[in-house]
Protein backbone atom coordinates (compact mmCIF):
# COMPACT_ATOMS: atom_id res chain seq x y z
CA UNK A 1 16.98 -22.34 -22.64
CA UNK A 2 19.12 -24.61 -20.48
CA UNK A 3 17.14 -24.67 -17.27
CA UNK A 4 15.91 -27.37 -14.92
CA UNK A 5 19.14 -29.46 -15.13
CA UNK A 6 18.55 -31.09 -11.77
CA UNK A 7 15.11 -32.48 -12.37
CA UNK A 8 13.06 -29.51 -11.19
CA UNK A 9 9.84 -29.63 -13.16
CA UNK A 10 7.61 -26.65 -13.80
CA UNK A 11 4.93 -27.74 -11.35
CA UNK A 12 5.10 -27.00 -7.65
CA UNK A 13 4.21 -29.57 -5.03
CA UNK A 14 1.50 -28.81 -2.50
CA UNK A 15 4.22 -28.21 0.10
CA UNK A 16 5.96 -25.70 -2.19
CA UNK A 17 2.68 -23.92 -2.83
CA UNK A 18 2.00 -23.71 0.90
CA UNK A 19 5.52 -22.36 1.50
CA UNK A 20 5.13 -19.70 -1.19
CA UNK A 21 1.71 -18.71 0.13
CA UNK A 22 3.17 -18.45 3.63
CA UNK A 23 6.04 -16.30 2.30
CA UNK A 24 3.58 -13.89 0.68
CA UNK A 25 1.55 -13.70 3.89
CA UNK A 26 4.67 -13.16 6.00
CA UNK A 27 5.79 -10.37 3.68
CA UNK A 28 2.38 -8.70 4.00
CA UNK A 29 2.60 -8.87 7.79
CA UNK A 30 6.13 -7.40 7.68
CA UNK A 31 4.75 -4.49 5.66
CA UNK A 32 1.88 -3.99 8.06
CA UNK A 33 4.14 -4.03 11.11
CA UNK A 34 6.89 -1.86 9.66
CA UNK A 35 7.30 1.28 11.78
CA UNK A 36 7.97 3.68 8.89
CA UNK A 37 5.28 6.25 8.13
CA UNK A 38 5.48 8.39 4.94
CA UNK A 39 4.60 11.50 6.95
CA UNK A 40 7.01 11.01 9.83
CA UNK A 41 9.74 13.61 10.52
CA UNK A 42 12.82 13.00 8.41
CA UNK A 43 11.02 10.87 5.81
CA UNK A 44 12.48 11.37 2.33
CA UNK A 45 11.14 10.79 -1.16
CA UNK A 46 13.54 7.85 -1.50
CA UNK A 47 12.11 6.24 1.65
CA UNK A 48 8.57 6.76 0.44
CA UNK A 49 9.52 5.28 -2.94
CA UNK A 50 11.00 2.20 -1.25
CA UNK A 51 7.77 1.68 0.69
CA UNK A 52 5.73 2.16 -2.48
CA UNK A 53 7.83 -0.42 -4.34
CA UNK A 54 7.38 -2.89 -1.47
CA UNK A 55 3.59 -2.38 -1.40
CA UNK A 56 3.38 -2.77 -5.20
CA UNK A 57 5.45 -5.95 -4.99
CA UNK A 58 3.09 -7.41 -2.37
CA UNK A 59 0.08 -6.71 -4.60
CA UNK A 60 1.87 -8.24 -7.59
CA UNK A 61 2.82 -11.34 -5.59
CA UNK A 62 -0.81 -11.93 -4.61
CA UNK A 63 -2.03 -11.44 -8.18
CA UNK A 64 0.65 -13.73 -9.59
CA UNK A 65 -0.05 -16.44 -7.02
CA UNK A 66 -3.77 -16.39 -7.80
CA UNK A 67 -3.18 -16.35 -11.57
CA UNK A 68 -0.51 -19.07 -11.81
CA UNK A 69 1.24 -20.22 -8.62
CA UNK A 70 3.54 -22.49 -10.66
CA UNK A 71 5.22 -19.56 -12.41
CA UNK A 72 8.15 -17.74 -10.84
CA UNK A 73 6.32 -14.38 -10.93
CA UNK A 74 5.03 -14.52 -7.37
CA UNK A 75 8.43 -15.47 -5.95
CA UNK A 76 10.15 -12.75 -7.98
CA UNK A 77 7.67 -10.17 -6.68
CA UNK A 78 8.27 -11.24 -3.07
CA UNK A 79 12.03 -11.03 -3.58
CA UNK A 80 11.69 -7.55 -5.11
CA UNK A 81 9.49 -6.43 -2.24
CA UNK A 82 11.88 -7.73 0.39
CA UNK A 83 14.75 -5.91 -1.30
CA UNK A 84 12.74 -2.65 -1.35
CA UNK A 85 12.00 -3.05 2.35
CA UNK A 86 15.68 -3.79 3.05
CA UNK A 87 16.60 -0.58 1.21
CA UNK A 88 14.10 1.34 3.35
CA UNK A 89 15.61 -0.12 6.52
CA UNK A 90 19.10 0.82 5.33
CA UNK A 91 18.06 4.42 4.62
CA UNK A 92 16.40 4.71 8.03
CA UNK A 93 19.53 3.40 9.75
CA UNK A 94 21.94 5.46 7.64
CA UNK A 95 23.58 2.34 6.19
CA UNK A 96 24.68 1.72 2.58
CA UNK A 97 21.94 0.26 0.42
CA UNK A 98 22.08 -3.54 0.15
CA UNK A 99 23.04 -5.09 -3.17
CA UNK A 100 20.43 -7.18 -4.89
CA UNK A 101 21.41 -10.54 -6.25
CA UNK A 102 19.73 -11.85 -9.41
CA UNK A 103 17.49 -14.92 -9.09
CA UNK A 104 19.02 -18.39 -9.41
CA UNK A 105 19.92 -19.01 -13.05
CA UNK A 106 18.39 -22.47 -13.08
CA UNK A 107 15.03 -21.62 -11.52
CA UNK A 108 13.79 -18.28 -10.18
CA UNK A 109 11.68 -20.23 -7.67
CA UNK A 110 14.93 -21.09 -5.84
CA UNK A 111 15.09 -17.46 -4.74
CA UNK A 112 17.98 -14.97 -4.99
CA UNK A 113 21.39 -16.31 -6.02
CA UNK A 114 24.15 -16.48 -3.46
CA UNK A 115 27.26 -17.03 -5.58
CA UNK A 116 28.66 -16.79 -9.13
CA UNK A 117 30.19 -19.77 -10.87
CA UNK A 118 31.16 -21.14 -14.30
CA UNK A 119 28.78 -23.55 -16.03
CA UNK A 120 28.37 -24.92 -19.52
CA UNK A 121 25.41 -26.77 -21.02
CA UNK A 122 26.08 -30.03 -22.83
CA UNK A 123 28.30 -29.26 -25.86
CA UNK A 124 27.93 -25.57 -25.03
CA UNK A 125 30.20 -22.67 -24.17
CA UNK A 126 31.11 -22.06 -20.49
CA UNK A 127 29.60 -18.93 -19.01
CA UNK A 128 29.38 -17.07 -15.71
CA UNK A 129 26.05 -17.67 -13.98
CA UNK A 130 24.50 -16.70 -10.63
CA UNK A 131 23.12 -19.65 -8.65
CA UNK A 132 21.55 -20.38 -5.29
CA UNK A 133 23.46 -22.31 -2.62
CA UNK A 134 21.77 -25.65 -3.40
CA UNK A 135 22.56 -25.42 -7.11
CA UNK A 136 26.14 -24.37 -6.35
CA UNK A 137 26.57 -27.54 -4.24
CA UNK A 138 25.13 -29.72 -7.00
CA UNK A 139 27.43 -28.16 -9.59
CA UNK A 140 30.39 -28.77 -7.28
CA UNK A 141 29.41 -32.42 -6.83
CA UNK A 142 29.08 -32.81 -10.59
CA UNK A 143 32.54 -31.34 -11.16
CA UNK A 144 34.04 -33.61 -8.46
CA UNK A 145 32.78 -36.74 -10.25
CA UNK A 146 34.91 -35.83 -13.25
CA UNK A 147 34.20 -36.19 -16.95
CA UNK A 148 34.26 -40.01 -16.83
CA UNK A 149 31.49 -40.19 -14.30
CA UNK A 150 27.98 -40.60 -15.65
CA UNK A 151 25.98 -37.40 -15.52
CA UNK A 152 23.12 -37.09 -13.04
CA UNK A 153 19.73 -38.13 -14.33
CA UNK A 154 18.14 -35.52 -16.55
CA UNK A 155 14.44 -34.86 -16.31
CA UNK A 156 13.18 -32.72 -19.11
CA UNK A 157 10.20 -30.51 -18.68
CA UNK A 158 7.20 -32.12 -20.36
CA UNK A 159 5.43 -30.38 -23.18
CA UNK A 160 3.01 -27.76 -21.86
CA UNK A 161 -0.23 -29.39 -20.81
CA UNK A 162 -3.35 -27.44 -19.95
CA UNK A 163 -4.39 -28.59 -16.50
CA UNK A 164 -7.07 -27.66 -14.08
CA UNK A 165 -6.13 -25.02 -11.51
CA UNK A 166 -4.31 -26.39 -8.48
CA UNK A 167 -6.24 -26.08 -5.20
CA UNK A 168 -5.01 -23.35 -2.90
CA UNK A 169 -2.85 -24.34 0.11
CA UNK A 170 -4.60 -25.77 3.18
CA UNK A 171 -4.99 -22.41 4.95
CA UNK A 172 -7.08 -21.22 2.03
CA UNK A 173 -9.06 -24.34 1.15
CA UNK A 174 -11.52 -23.93 4.01
CA UNK A 175 -12.43 -20.46 2.80
CA UNK A 176 -15.46 -19.89 0.61
CA UNK A 177 -14.65 -18.79 -2.91
CA UNK A 178 -14.87 -15.03 -3.49
CA UNK A 179 -18.39 -14.07 -4.49
CA UNK A 180 -19.97 -17.28 -3.23
CA UNK A 181 -22.74 -17.36 -0.68
CA UNK A 182 -26.07 -15.54 -0.67
CA UNK A 183 -25.92 -11.74 -0.35
CA UNK A 184 -26.57 -10.45 3.15
CA UNK A 185 -25.51 -13.61 4.97
CA UNK A 186 -22.40 -13.67 7.21
CA UNK A 187 -19.32 -15.44 5.93
CA UNK A 188 -17.65 -17.95 8.26
CA UNK A 189 -14.48 -20.00 8.17
CA UNK A 190 -11.13 -20.68 9.78
CA UNK A 191 -7.64 -19.31 9.21
CA UNK A 192 -6.35 -17.02 6.48
CA UNK A 193 -8.81 -16.20 3.75
CA UNK A 194 -9.47 -14.03 0.74
CA UNK A 195 -13.16 -13.47 0.17
CA UNK A 196 -15.99 -11.26 -1.00
CA UNK A 197 -18.92 -9.61 0.79
CA UNK A 198 -22.00 -8.05 -0.77
CA UNK A 199 -23.06 -4.51 0.05
CA UNK A 200 -26.32 -4.40 2.07
CA UNK A 201 -27.63 -1.66 -0.22
CA UNK A 202 -26.38 -0.47 -3.61
CA UNK A 203 -24.50 2.80 -3.90
CA UNK A 204 -24.22 3.24 -0.15
CA UNK A 205 -21.27 2.86 2.23
CA UNK A 206 -21.42 0.04 4.77
CA UNK A 207 -19.65 -1.49 7.76
CA UNK A 208 -17.45 -4.58 7.58
CA UNK A 209 -17.72 -6.46 10.86
CA UNK A 210 -14.95 -8.99 11.62
CA UNK A 211 -15.19 -11.29 14.65
CA UNK A 212 -13.10 -14.22 15.92
CA UNK A 213 -14.18 -16.93 18.36
CA UNK A 214 -10.91 -16.83 20.29
CA UNK A 215 -7.98 -14.51 20.98
CA UNK A 216 -6.22 -13.57 17.75
CA UNK A 217 -4.15 -10.83 16.17
CA UNK A 218 -4.91 -10.31 12.50
CA UNK A 219 -4.68 -7.85 9.66
CA UNK A 220 -7.84 -7.11 7.68
CA UNK A 221 -7.29 -5.99 4.08
CA UNK A 222 -10.23 -4.27 2.37
CA UNK A 223 -10.38 -3.60 -1.39
CA UNK A 224 -13.30 -1.64 -2.85
CA UNK A 225 -13.80 -0.37 -6.39
CA UNK A 226 -12.22 3.00 -7.04
CA UNK A 227 -10.33 3.09 -3.72
CA UNK A 228 -6.82 2.03 -2.70
CA UNK A 229 -6.34 -1.11 -0.64
CA UNK A 230 -6.79 -0.47 3.09
CA UNK A 231 -5.18 -2.51 5.88
CA UNK A 232 -6.30 -2.61 9.52
CA UNK A 233 -4.83 -4.35 12.58
CA UNK A 234 -7.57 -5.84 14.79
CA UNK A 235 -7.81 -8.20 17.76
CA UNK A 236 -5.20 -8.80 20.42
CA UNK A 237 -3.06 -11.56 21.92
CA UNK A 238 -5.41 -11.90 24.90
CA UNK A 239 -8.79 -11.13 23.39
CA UNK A 240 -10.96 -12.07 20.47
CA UNK A 241 -11.54 -9.58 17.67
CA UNK A 242 -14.80 -7.71 17.16
CA UNK A 243 -13.96 -4.94 14.74
CA UNK A 244 -16.17 -2.66 12.67
CA UNK A 245 -14.35 -1.22 9.67
CA UNK A 246 -15.39 1.13 6.84
CA UNK A 247 -16.62 -0.21 3.50
CA UNK A 248 -16.51 2.91 1.29
CA UNK A 249 -19.20 3.63 -1.26
CA UNK A 250 -18.24 1.96 -4.54
CA UNK A 251 -20.81 3.11 -7.08
CA UNK A 252 -22.83 0.22 -8.46
CA UNK A 253 -20.36 -2.44 -7.29
CA UNK A 254 -22.05 -5.50 -5.80
CA UNK A 255 -19.56 -5.83 -3.00
CA UNK A 256 -15.96 -5.65 -1.83
CA UNK A 257 -13.04 -8.01 -1.46
CA UNK A 258 -11.42 -8.68 1.89
CA UNK A 259 -8.49 -10.68 3.22
CA UNK A 260 -7.78 -11.92 6.75
CA UNK A 261 -4.13 -12.52 7.66
CA UNK A 262 -3.63 -14.07 11.10
CA UNK A 263 -0.40 -13.57 13.04
CA UNK A 264 1.09 -16.40 15.08
CA UNK A 265 -2.19 -18.30 15.44
CA UNK A 266 -3.67 -21.48 14.05
CA UNK A 267 -7.00 -22.09 12.41
CA UNK A 268 -8.94 -19.44 14.31
CA UNK A 269 -12.68 -19.40 13.54
CA UNK A 270 -13.98 -16.11 12.16
CA UNK A 271 -17.17 -14.43 10.97
CA UNK A 272 -17.28 -11.60 8.43
CA UNK A 273 -20.36 -9.66 7.38
CA UNK A 274 -21.26 -6.39 5.69
CA UNK A 275 -23.79 -4.37 7.70
CA UNK A 276 -25.76 -1.19 6.93
CA UNK A 277 -24.09 1.95 8.19
CA UNK A 278 -27.03 2.78 10.47
CA UNK A 279 -26.33 -0.39 12.50
CA UNK A 280 -23.03 1.10 13.70
CA UNK A 281 -23.43 1.76 17.44
CA UNK A 282 -23.18 5.39 18.46
CA UNK A 283 -20.76 6.55 21.13
CA UNK A 284 -22.32 7.07 24.56
CA UNK A 285 -23.94 10.43 25.11
CA UNK A 286 -21.39 13.07 25.99
CA UNK A 287 -19.76 13.70 28.35
CA UNK A 288 -18.54 10.12 28.48
CA UNK A 289 -15.59 7.76 28.35
CA UNK A 290 -15.27 5.08 25.67
CA UNK A 291 -12.60 2.37 25.44
CA UNK A 292 -11.65 0.25 22.46
CA UNK A 293 -8.94 -1.96 20.99
CA UNK A 294 -7.03 -1.76 17.71
CA UNK A 295 -8.78 -0.32 14.62
CA UNK A 296 -12.46 0.62 14.96
CA UNK A 297 -15.08 2.62 13.08
CA UNK A 298 -17.09 4.88 15.42
CA UNK A 299 -20.23 6.97 15.09
CA UNK A 300 -20.52 10.27 16.99
CA UNK A 301 -23.93 11.91 17.20
CA UNK A 302 -23.07 14.75 19.58
CA UNK A 303 -21.94 18.26 18.86
CA UNK A 304 -18.41 19.52 18.40
CA UNK A 305 -16.31 19.84 21.52
CA UNK A 306 -13.02 19.12 23.24
CA UNK A 307 -11.89 15.50 23.61
CA UNK A 308 -8.83 13.34 24.15
CA UNK A 309 -7.61 10.13 22.55
CA UNK A 310 -5.28 8.13 24.80
CA UNK A 311 -3.28 5.26 23.28
CA UNK A 312 -2.08 2.57 25.69
CA UNK A 313 -0.22 0.31 23.26
CA UNK A 314 2.83 0.60 21.05
CA UNK A 315 3.12 1.67 17.43
CA UNK A 316 1.39 4.43 15.51
CA UNK A 317 -2.19 5.50 16.22
CA UNK A 318 -4.51 8.03 14.61
CA UNK A 319 -8.08 9.32 14.47
CA UNK A 320 -9.74 10.34 11.20
CA UNK A 321 -13.02 12.16 10.61
CA UNK A 322 -14.40 10.32 7.54
CA UNK A 323 -16.46 11.84 4.75
CA UNK A 324 -20.00 10.73 3.94
CA UNK A 325 -18.80 7.99 1.55
CA UNK A 326 -16.13 6.72 4.00
CA UNK A 327 -13.60 7.21 1.19
CA UNK A 328 -11.42 9.86 2.81
CA UNK A 329 -11.38 12.34 5.63
CA UNK A 330 -9.48 14.67 7.90
CA UNK A 331 -6.82 13.48 10.30
CA UNK A 332 -7.59 14.81 13.77
CA UNK A 333 -5.00 12.91 15.82
CA UNK A 334 -1.67 11.28 15.11
CA UNK A 335 0.78 9.81 17.63
CA UNK A 336 3.02 6.92 18.50
CA UNK A 337 3.32 4.71 21.56
CA UNK A 338 1.64 5.40 24.90
CA UNK A 339 0.45 8.96 24.50
CA UNK A 340 -2.60 11.19 25.05
CA UNK A 341 -3.55 13.72 22.35
CA UNK A 342 -6.20 16.40 22.74
CA UNK A 343 -8.44 17.24 19.78
CA UNK A 344 -11.83 18.74 18.92
CA UNK A 345 -14.79 16.72 17.66
CA UNK A 346 -15.93 18.41 14.41
CA UNK A 347 -19.47 17.24 15.12
CA UNK A 348 -21.72 14.31 14.17
CA UNK A 349 -20.28 11.77 11.77
CA UNK A 350 -18.18 8.63 11.38
CA UNK A 351 -14.68 8.45 12.81
CA UNK A 352 -11.95 5.85 12.39
CA UNK A 353 -9.48 4.96 15.13
CA UNK A 354 -6.37 3.17 13.85
CA UNK A 355 -4.21 1.57 16.53
CA UNK A 356 -2.44 -1.67 17.45
CA UNK A 357 -3.62 -2.03 21.03
CA UNK A 358 -6.01 -0.59 23.63
CA UNK A 359 -7.09 3.03 23.55
CA UNK A 360 -9.71 5.27 25.17
CA UNK A 361 -11.69 8.38 24.25
CA UNK A 362 -12.64 11.08 26.74
CA UNK A 363 -14.78 14.11 26.10
CA UNK A 364 -12.27 16.63 27.39
CA UNK A 365 -8.55 16.79 27.97
CA UNK A 366 -7.68 16.87 31.66
CA UNK A 367 -6.69 20.17 33.24
C-alpha cells in the first residue's frame, strides 16, 4: 500500500482529534435541527431511507471515534452521513442527487477527494487516483520540481505499536467516565459529555433531569437497553435548561447512557440525575394553564377532557401519551411553527411534549 507519501503518520494530533470530535458533534446537531419528518406530507421511502442512512452514519461515527479515533472509520462515517443528508435535501428541493466523491487516496482522514490526477509510486506504474485539494497541490509541486530535484522527505509509518488510549478532546476530558460515580448521586460537569446514570430502582422507569447553570441550547441523547436512541432539544438562548425527560424501563439494566451536545455555547455547567418517576411534578389541578419550554415530561392526574397545546416557537412540536414503561405511546398532537392544536386528555398518566421553544397547555380549546 503506497499511502502516507507526505509524512502523514497514523496518529492524530490532539488538535485533529478535537476537530474530528467537533465534526461529529456538528453533524449530530445538523441531524437534530433538520426540518424533515418521516411522517410529513409528501415524504417518500427514498427520503426516509436517506434520513435512516444519515442517522446510522452518526451512530457509527460515534462508535468508531470511541473505539479508535486514529482510524479513518469515524471520518468516513461522517462523510457518508453528510452525503445522505445532502441527498435528502436534494430530494426535498427537487434537485438532482449530488455525486459522492471517494475519500482521498492517500489518507481517508483528509476527507472526500476533490479532483482526479495521475500518480505513480516509486518504480511503479502510473494510475488514476482521486485526491483532496491539499494532496493535489503537493503532487503539482513535486511534478514542477522535475525528475532531477530531490524528492520530498519520506516519513514511513512506524511498525504498529500498542499504545494506551489517547485522552478525549478537551470538551470531553472534564466529563466523568461512563459508569463512574456512586449510584443515586447527581452527575455534574461542563460542556459536551457522554455519560451514564444509574436507575433509582431496578426494573422501573425513571426521569432524567437535566439542568444548566446559565442560558444554553442543547440536545440530550438518551440510550437505554432495548430501546432506540432518543434525542430531545432542551433549554433556550435566553434561559437555563431544567428538563425532565423519560428514562424507559430497561429490564435489569443498571442504568442508561446519555449525551449532552451544546449548541453555540462554551463550557456551560450542567447537572444530570436520574430520579424516581413519582418525583415528577403533576400538572396543576384542572382547569388550569401550564407553560413550558422545549421538551418536557409531564404527569397528568386528572380525568380525560378537552385541552389545547399552543406552540409559540418554530419547528415541529408534538404531544405523546406514554405507556407505563415510557417506551412508546400514542401521538395526540402534531404541528409545526406557531400553532394551537386542540386534543383530548386520555386521562391520568405521563405525557411528553417535544418542542424547540416555548409552549403552553390549556384545559379547553377556546370557543
